[in-house]
Amino acid sequence: MPNVNEPSVLMEAAKRGDRDAFQHLAEQHRRELRLHCYRMLASIHDAEDAVQETLLRAWRAVADFEGRTSFRNWLYKIATHACLNMVTARQRTARLLPHDIGPPAQALPQEPATEIAWLDPYPDEPIAQLSAIEPGPAARYESHEAVQLAFVAAVQRLPPLQRAALLLRDVLGWSAAEAAQLLDTSVASITSALQRARATMETSYSSRRSASVPDERQRELLDRYVAAWETADLDNFLALLKEDAILSMPPYREWLLGPDAIGRLFAFVCSRYGGSGAFRLVRTAANGQPAFAVYSRSSETGAFVAHSIQVVSLDEDGVALVVNFRKPELFEFFGLPRAR
C-alpha cells in the first residue's frame, strides 16, 4: 500500500482502484459519519446502514473525485443524501420517545408498541473519540449537547431539509455556502430552512436542555440510584425523583410522570423479578449522559441477562428523566455481553 502518511498519494492510489488505500482514507471518518447519520436518523442501526451505503457509493465513485472539496466533506455529502433518501424514499416517520408523543399514562404499561420506530440511544465511546474534531466557527451547539436524547428527539421533528441544514450549520459549523454545495441547493434555500429549523428547536428543545450537575453530586446521585435498583429499595428510589420526574420505556407507548406513578412501576417490576438482588446495573454512558446496562436475574438459570439500557438525566435536586430502552440487542453496540 502507498505511504499512509501522504493522503494525496493514497487518494491517487484509490482512484486507480486500490481498495486498501481507499479504506485507509475512509475509515478514519467512519465514526464521525456514523454520529452524523445517527443525528439525522435517531437509530444506531439505520446510521450503520447509512454509513455502509456511504462508503460503498464513495468507493464506486472515487475515480471521479475531482478534489473541489475535501475528501471528508465529500463523504459527508454522500452520507447526508443517503440519510435523506432513507427518511423520504422509505416514508419513515420521525423516531421519537414516548413522552414526546402523548400525555402521561394513568396505569402501568400493557403491551409494547412494536409498530412504532422508536429513537435509539447512542453509546458514548465513539463520541469521546471524536472530541478532537472541533465544529466550525458557525456552530451554535457544543458537540456534547448535540447528541443528548432531548436534542436528537427535537431534531427528528424537523422536515428533512431543515434537519440537514440545522445539523450542518449549527452542529458541524459549516458555512451556508458549504451546506448549500453539499445539499445541491442555494444559499438562500439553506438560510430559509435553517431559520425555520431554529424556530422549531426554540419551542421543542430549548426548555428541555439538561442542567449541568457537578461531578461529585452526580456521583452521589448515581450511587444511590444503583443501590435502590439493586436492593429494590422503593423509599430510597422515590427520594431520588423530582416531583416532575419522567420515566418512559420504549417500545412501550405509555410513560409515567411523578414519583407516585413511577414508584408503582418500580415496585411492580422489582416484585415481578424477585425483589432485592433481581437486577444488576453496569455503568456505561449514552448520548453524553449517564447510563446503565441493566441485567435481570433469570428465574431459570440464576444468570444475569440483558434487560435494558437506561439513560438518566439529572439536575441538582435529583433524577429528572429515565428512559429505559427495552432492546437487548443494543448491548452489542455498547460493547457489553448479553449475560454476566
Protein backbone atom coordinates (compact mmCIF):
# COMPACT_ATOMS: atom_id res chain seq x y z
CA MET A 1 0.00 0.00 0.00
CA PRO A 2 1.24 3.56 -0.66
CA ASN A 3 2.65 5.72 2.15
CA VAL A 4 -0.20 6.12 4.66
CA ASN A 5 1.23 9.46 5.79
CA GLU A 6 0.60 11.01 2.38
CA PRO A 7 -3.16 11.48 1.80
CA SER A 8 -2.61 12.72 -1.73
CA VAL A 9 -0.67 9.59 -2.59
CA LEU A 10 -3.39 7.42 -1.06
CA MET A 11 -6.06 9.29 -3.00
CA GLU A 12 -4.29 8.77 -6.29
CA ALA A 13 -3.93 5.08 -5.48
CA ALA A 14 -7.61 4.85 -4.52
CA LYS A 15 -8.62 6.49 -7.79
CA ARG A 16 -6.61 3.86 -9.63
CA GLY A 17 -8.63 1.14 -7.88
CA ASP A 18 -6.53 0.41 -4.77
CA ARG A 19 -9.20 -0.68 -2.25
CA ASP A 20 -6.77 -0.73 0.68
CA ALA A 21 -5.79 2.88 0.03
CA PHE A 22 -9.45 3.90 -0.15
CA GLN A 23 -10.31 2.09 3.08
CA HIS A 24 -7.43 3.76 4.89
CA LEU A 25 -8.70 7.17 3.76
CA ALA A 26 -12.35 6.44 4.51
CA GLU A 27 -12.12 4.53 7.79
CA GLN A 28 -10.69 7.49 9.68
CA HIS A 29 -14.02 9.26 9.09
CA ARG A 30 -16.34 6.33 9.86
CA ARG A 31 -17.07 7.24 13.48
CA GLU A 32 -17.95 10.87 12.82
CA LEU A 33 -20.06 9.86 9.83
CA ARG A 34 -21.96 7.36 11.95
CA LEU A 35 -22.65 10.03 14.59
CA HIS A 36 -23.86 12.44 11.89
CA CYS A 37 -26.14 9.76 10.46
CA TYR A 38 -27.42 8.97 13.96
CA ARG A 39 -28.36 12.60 14.47
CA MET A 40 -30.19 12.53 11.13
CA LEU A 41 -31.98 9.22 11.72
CA ALA A 42 -32.10 8.67 15.53
CA SER A 43 -31.35 4.98 15.03
CA ILE A 44 -27.98 3.36 15.56
CA HIS A 45 -28.95 0.53 13.20
CA ASP A 46 -30.05 2.91 10.45
CA ALA A 47 -26.94 5.03 10.99
CA GLU A 48 -24.75 1.96 10.49
CA ASP A 49 -26.65 1.12 7.29
CA ALA A 50 -26.27 4.70 6.04
CA VAL A 51 -22.52 4.67 6.65
CA GLN A 52 -22.12 1.36 4.84
CA GLU A 53 -24.09 2.78 1.91
CA THR A 54 -21.94 5.92 2.00
CA LEU A 55 -18.66 4.04 1.81
CA LEU A 56 -19.96 1.78 -0.94
CA ARG A 57 -21.11 4.76 -3.03
CA ALA A 58 -17.84 6.58 -2.38
CA TRP A 59 -15.77 3.57 -3.45
CA ARG A 60 -17.75 3.29 -6.68
CA ALA A 61 -17.33 7.00 -7.41
CA VAL A 62 -13.83 7.71 -6.10
CA ALA A 63 -12.26 7.54 -9.56
CA ASP A 64 -14.31 10.63 -10.46
CA PHE A 65 -13.48 12.57 -7.28
CA GLU A 66 -12.06 15.89 -8.51
CA GLY A 67 -10.94 17.38 -5.21
CA ARG A 68 -13.09 20.51 -5.44
CA THR A 69 -13.87 19.94 -1.78
CA SER A 70 -12.11 17.88 0.88
CA PHE A 71 -12.50 14.10 0.88
CA ARG A 72 -14.15 14.42 4.32
CA ASN A 73 -16.73 16.90 3.04
CA TRP A 74 -17.37 14.70 0.03
CA LEU A 75 -18.13 11.76 2.34
CA TYR A 76 -20.46 13.96 4.39
CA LYS A 77 -22.30 14.89 1.20
CA ILE A 78 -22.83 11.25 0.28
CA ALA A 79 -23.81 10.34 3.85
CA THR A 80 -26.31 13.19 4.19
CA HIS A 81 -28.00 12.30 0.92
CA ALA A 82 -28.10 8.63 1.96
CA CYS A 83 -29.89 9.68 5.16
CA LEU A 84 -32.30 11.96 3.31
CA ASN A 85 -33.15 9.09 0.99
CA MET A 86 -33.84 6.84 3.98
CA VAL A 87 -36.11 9.46 5.52
CA THR A 88 -38.08 10.27 2.38
CA ALA A 89 -37.99 7.31 -0.01
CA ARG A 90 -38.95 4.83 2.70
CA GLN A 91 -41.52 7.27 4.10
CA ARG A 92 -40.21 6.79 7.62
CA THR A 93 -41.93 8.61 10.42
CA ALA A 94 -39.81 10.53 12.89
CA ARG A 95 -38.26 8.43 15.62
CA LEU A 96 -39.29 9.94 18.95
CA LEU A 97 -39.64 8.92 22.59
CA PRO A 98 -42.91 8.02 24.35
CA HIS A 99 -43.00 11.25 26.35
CA ASP A 100 -42.81 13.21 23.07
CA ILE A 101 -46.00 11.84 21.53
CA GLY A 102 -48.78 11.85 24.09
CA PRO A 103 -49.91 12.56 27.68
CA PRO A 104 -48.67 10.54 30.67
CA ALA A 105 -50.34 7.23 31.41
CA GLN A 106 -52.63 6.73 34.39
CA ALA A 107 -51.91 2.99 34.60
CA LEU A 108 -48.93 0.68 34.20
CA PRO A 109 -47.79 -0.15 30.64
CA GLN A 110 -49.58 -3.07 28.98
CA GLU A 111 -48.24 -4.15 25.57
CA PRO A 112 -45.19 -2.91 23.65
CA ALA A 113 -45.95 -0.75 20.62
CA THR A 114 -43.68 -2.64 18.24
CA GLU A 115 -45.25 -0.94 15.21
CA ILE A 116 -43.59 2.34 16.20
CA ALA A 117 -39.96 3.01 15.26
CA TRP A 118 -38.58 4.46 18.48
CA LEU A 119 -35.49 6.60 18.94
CA ASP A 120 -32.34 4.66 19.93
CA PRO A 121 -29.65 5.61 22.45
CA TYR A 122 -26.10 6.09 21.20
CA PRO A 123 -23.01 4.80 23.06
CA ASP A 124 -20.60 7.42 24.33
CA GLU A 125 -17.31 5.73 23.44
CA PRO A 126 -17.42 6.81 19.78
CA ILE A 127 -18.43 10.31 20.91
CA ALA A 128 -15.43 10.55 23.23
CA GLN A 129 -13.11 9.51 20.41
CA LEU A 130 -14.42 12.43 18.35
CA SER A 131 -13.58 15.05 20.98
CA ALA A 132 -10.58 16.27 18.99
CA ILE A 133 -12.77 17.12 15.99
CA GLU A 134 -13.92 20.64 16.68
CA PRO A 135 -17.02 22.04 14.95
CA GLY A 136 -16.61 25.01 12.65
CA PRO A 137 -16.98 28.64 13.79
CA ALA A 138 -20.68 28.78 12.83
CA ALA A 139 -21.71 26.05 15.31
CA ARG A 140 -24.34 27.03 17.89
CA TYR A 141 -24.39 23.74 19.82
CA GLU A 142 -21.46 22.09 21.55
CA SER A 143 -20.69 18.54 20.43
CA HIS A 144 -21.62 17.16 23.85
CA GLU A 145 -25.04 18.79 23.81
CA ALA A 146 -25.82 17.95 20.19
CA VAL A 147 -26.10 14.23 20.91
CA GLN A 148 -28.28 14.30 24.05
CA LEU A 149 -31.59 12.48 23.81
CA ALA A 150 -33.67 15.66 24.03
CA PHE A 151 -31.68 17.28 21.22
CA VAL A 152 -31.84 14.27 18.90
CA ALA A 153 -35.58 13.86 19.56
CA ALA A 154 -36.20 17.55 18.79
CA VAL A 155 -34.23 17.28 15.54
CA GLN A 156 -36.49 14.43 14.44
CA ARG A 157 -39.43 16.83 14.39
CA LEU A 158 -37.82 18.79 11.56
CA PRO A 159 -38.55 18.12 7.87
CA PRO A 160 -35.60 16.51 6.05
CA LEU A 161 -34.04 19.65 4.52
CA GLN A 162 -34.39 21.61 7.77
CA ARG A 163 -32.90 18.71 9.70
CA ALA A 164 -29.86 18.56 7.42
CA ALA A 165 -29.42 22.35 7.40
CA LEU A 166 -29.50 22.57 11.19
CA LEU A 167 -27.00 19.75 11.66
CA LEU A 168 -24.60 21.03 9.03
CA ARG A 169 -24.76 24.68 10.13
CA ASP A 170 -25.43 24.66 13.88
CA VAL A 171 -23.77 21.38 14.90
CA LEU A 172 -20.90 20.89 12.44
CA GLY A 173 -20.44 24.62 12.00
CA TRP A 174 -20.29 24.66 8.22
CA SER A 175 -20.89 27.87 6.32
CA ALA A 176 -24.11 28.44 4.41
CA ALA A 177 -22.18 28.12 1.14
CA GLU A 178 -20.65 24.78 2.19
CA ALA A 179 -24.02 23.43 3.29
CA ALA A 180 -25.67 24.59 0.07
CA GLN A 181 -22.99 22.90 -2.00
CA LEU A 182 -23.34 19.68 -0.06
CA LEU A 183 -27.12 19.62 -0.38
CA ASP A 184 -27.12 20.72 -4.03
CA THR A 185 -29.24 23.76 -3.32
CA SER A 186 -28.88 27.54 -2.96
CA VAL A 187 -27.58 29.57 -0.04
CA ALA A 188 -30.99 31.26 0.14
CA SER A 189 -32.70 27.87 0.47
CA ILE A 190 -30.32 26.81 3.24
CA THR A 191 -30.80 30.10 5.08
CA SER A 192 -34.58 29.81 4.90
CA ALA A 193 -34.58 26.16 6.03
CA LEU A 194 -32.24 26.99 8.89
CA GLN A 195 -34.41 29.86 10.12
CA ARG A 196 -37.45 27.60 10.22
CA ALA A 197 -35.48 24.83 11.92
CA ARG A 198 -34.20 27.19 14.61
CA ALA A 199 -37.73 28.41 15.30
CA THR A 200 -38.94 24.84 15.80
CA MET A 201 -35.97 23.99 18.02
CA GLU A 202 -36.68 27.06 20.13
CA THR A 203 -40.09 25.69 21.05
CA SER A 204 -39.41 21.94 21.09
CA TYR A 205 -35.94 21.82 22.64
CA SER A 206 -34.76 24.95 24.44
CA SER A 207 -36.84 24.28 27.57
CA ARG A 208 -35.62 20.67 27.74
CA ARG A 209 -31.89 21.31 27.83
CA SER A 210 -30.26 19.23 30.56
CA ALA A 211 -28.87 21.12 33.51
CA SER A 212 -25.19 20.77 34.33
CA VAL A 213 -24.64 18.75 37.50
CA PRO A 214 -21.31 18.92 39.42
CA ASP A 215 -19.39 15.64 39.22
CA GLU A 216 -19.38 14.98 42.98
CA ARG A 217 -23.13 15.49 43.30
CA GLN A 218 -23.72 13.42 40.16
CA ARG A 219 -21.68 10.52 41.53
CA GLU A 220 -23.63 10.59 44.78
CA LEU A 221 -27.00 10.56 42.99
CA LEU A 222 -25.95 7.76 40.66
CA ASP A 223 -24.56 5.64 43.51
CA ARG A 224 -27.90 5.93 45.30
CA TYR A 225 -29.75 5.16 42.08
CA VAL A 226 -27.80 1.93 41.55
CA ALA A 227 -28.25 0.87 45.17
CA ALA A 228 -32.01 1.46 45.03
CA TRP A 229 -32.43 -0.71 41.93
CA GLU A 230 -30.16 -3.50 43.09
CA THR A 231 -31.77 -3.74 46.55
CA ALA A 232 -35.34 -2.99 45.38
CA ASP A 233 -35.43 -0.08 47.85
CA LEU A 234 -38.59 1.82 46.95
CA ASP A 235 -38.22 4.55 49.58
CA ASN A 236 -34.69 5.46 48.50
CA PHE A 237 -35.68 5.30 44.85
CA LEU A 238 -38.58 7.71 45.43
CA ALA A 239 -36.31 10.06 47.36
CA LEU A 240 -34.19 10.48 44.23
CA LEU A 241 -37.03 11.55 41.95
CA LYS A 242 -38.01 15.12 41.22
CA GLU A 243 -41.68 15.98 41.58
CA ASP A 244 -41.99 16.24 37.80
CA ALA A 245 -39.74 13.28 37.01
CA ILE A 246 -40.49 11.30 33.85
CA LEU A 247 -39.95 7.63 33.12
CA SER A 248 -40.50 6.26 29.62
CA MET A 249 -39.87 2.74 28.35
CA PRO A 250 -39.72 2.33 24.59
CA PRO A 251 -41.11 0.17 22.99
CA TYR A 252 -43.99 0.77 25.44
CA ARG A 253 -46.10 3.75 24.39
CA GLU A 254 -47.07 4.66 27.97
CA TRP A 255 -44.87 6.94 30.05
CA LEU A 256 -45.16 7.95 33.69
CA LEU A 257 -45.00 11.34 35.38
CA GLY A 258 -44.14 11.96 39.03
CA PRO A 259 -42.87 9.83 41.92
CA ASP A 260 -46.22 8.18 42.71
CA ALA A 261 -46.73 6.72 39.23
CA ILE A 262 -43.06 5.85 38.74
CA GLY A 263 -42.90 4.31 42.22
CA ARG A 264 -45.82 1.98 41.44
CA LEU A 265 -43.99 0.71 38.36
CA PHE A 266 -40.72 0.33 40.28
CA ALA A 267 -42.44 -1.73 42.98
CA PHE A 268 -44.25 -3.87 40.38
CA VAL A 269 -41.10 -4.57 38.36
CA CYS A 270 -38.94 -5.38 41.38
CA SER A 271 -41.61 -7.73 42.75
CA ARG A 272 -42.07 -9.43 39.38
CA TYR A 273 -38.35 -10.13 39.02
CA GLY A 274 -37.82 -11.31 42.60
CA GLY A 275 -37.08 -8.29 44.80
CA SER A 276 -33.65 -7.44 46.17
CA GLY A 277 -30.86 -8.79 44.02
CA ALA A 278 -33.03 -9.17 40.93
CA PHE A 279 -31.19 -6.50 38.97
CA ARG A 280 -27.58 -5.65 38.37
CA LEU A 281 -26.67 -2.27 36.89
CA VAL A 282 -23.45 -1.80 34.94
CA ARG A 283 -22.37 1.77 34.40
CA THR A 284 -21.97 2.99 30.86
CA ALA A 285 -22.76 6.26 29.09
CA ALA A 286 -25.03 7.19 26.22
CA ASN A 287 -25.82 10.42 24.38
CA GLY A 288 -23.45 12.35 26.59
CA GLN A 289 -25.50 11.37 29.66
CA PRO A 290 -25.18 8.84 32.50
CA ALA A 291 -26.49 5.43 31.52
CA PHE A 292 -26.70 1.88 32.79
CA ALA A 293 -26.85 -1.53 31.21
CA VAL A 294 -29.49 -3.30 33.28
CA TYR A 295 -29.25 -7.06 33.73
CA SER A 296 -32.09 -9.08 35.26
CA ARG A 297 -31.64 -12.39 37.06
CA SER A 298 -33.08 -15.36 35.20
CA SER A 299 -35.52 -17.35 37.33
CA GLU A 300 -34.47 -20.50 35.46
CA THR A 301 -30.67 -20.31 35.49
CA GLY A 302 -29.87 -17.62 38.04
CA ALA A 303 -27.66 -15.89 35.46
CA PHE A 304 -27.98 -12.17 34.83
CA VAL A 305 -29.19 -11.48 31.29
CA ALA A 306 -29.53 -8.31 29.22
CA HIS A 307 -32.70 -6.43 30.13
CA SER A 308 -32.44 -2.77 29.05
CA ILE A 309 -30.28 0.31 28.58
CA GLN A 310 -31.29 3.13 30.91
CA VAL A 311 -30.33 6.72 30.11
CA VAL A 312 -30.68 9.10 33.07
CA SER A 313 -30.97 12.89 33.17
CA LEU A 314 -30.07 14.61 36.44
CA ASP A 315 -30.23 18.06 37.90
CA GLU A 316 -29.17 19.45 41.25
CA ASP A 317 -32.26 18.10 43.02
CA GLY A 318 -32.29 14.56 41.69
CA VAL A 319 -33.40 12.39 38.80
CA ALA A 320 -35.41 14.31 36.19
CA LEU A 321 -35.77 11.70 33.45
CA VAL A 322 -35.20 7.98 32.96
CA VAL A 323 -35.54 6.45 29.51
CA ASN A 324 -35.48 2.67 29.77
CA PHE A 325 -34.79 1.13 26.36
CA ARG A 326 -36.10 -2.45 26.39
CA LYS A 327 -33.96 -3.54 23.47
CA PRO A 328 -31.35 -6.15 24.49
CA GLU A 329 -29.78 -6.11 21.03
CA LEU A 330 -28.44 -2.65 21.88
CA PHE A 331 -25.94 -4.23 24.28
CA GLU A 332 -23.62 -5.23 21.42
CA PHE A 333 -23.35 -1.59 20.31
CA PHE A 334 -22.27 -0.71 23.85
CA GLY A 335 -19.64 -3.46 23.82
CA LEU A 336 -21.46 -5.37 26.54
CA PRO A 337 -22.27 -9.08 26.82
CA ARG A 338 -25.84 -10.38 26.78
CA ALA A 339 -25.23 -12.31 30.02
CA ARG A 340 -23.00 -11.95 33.08
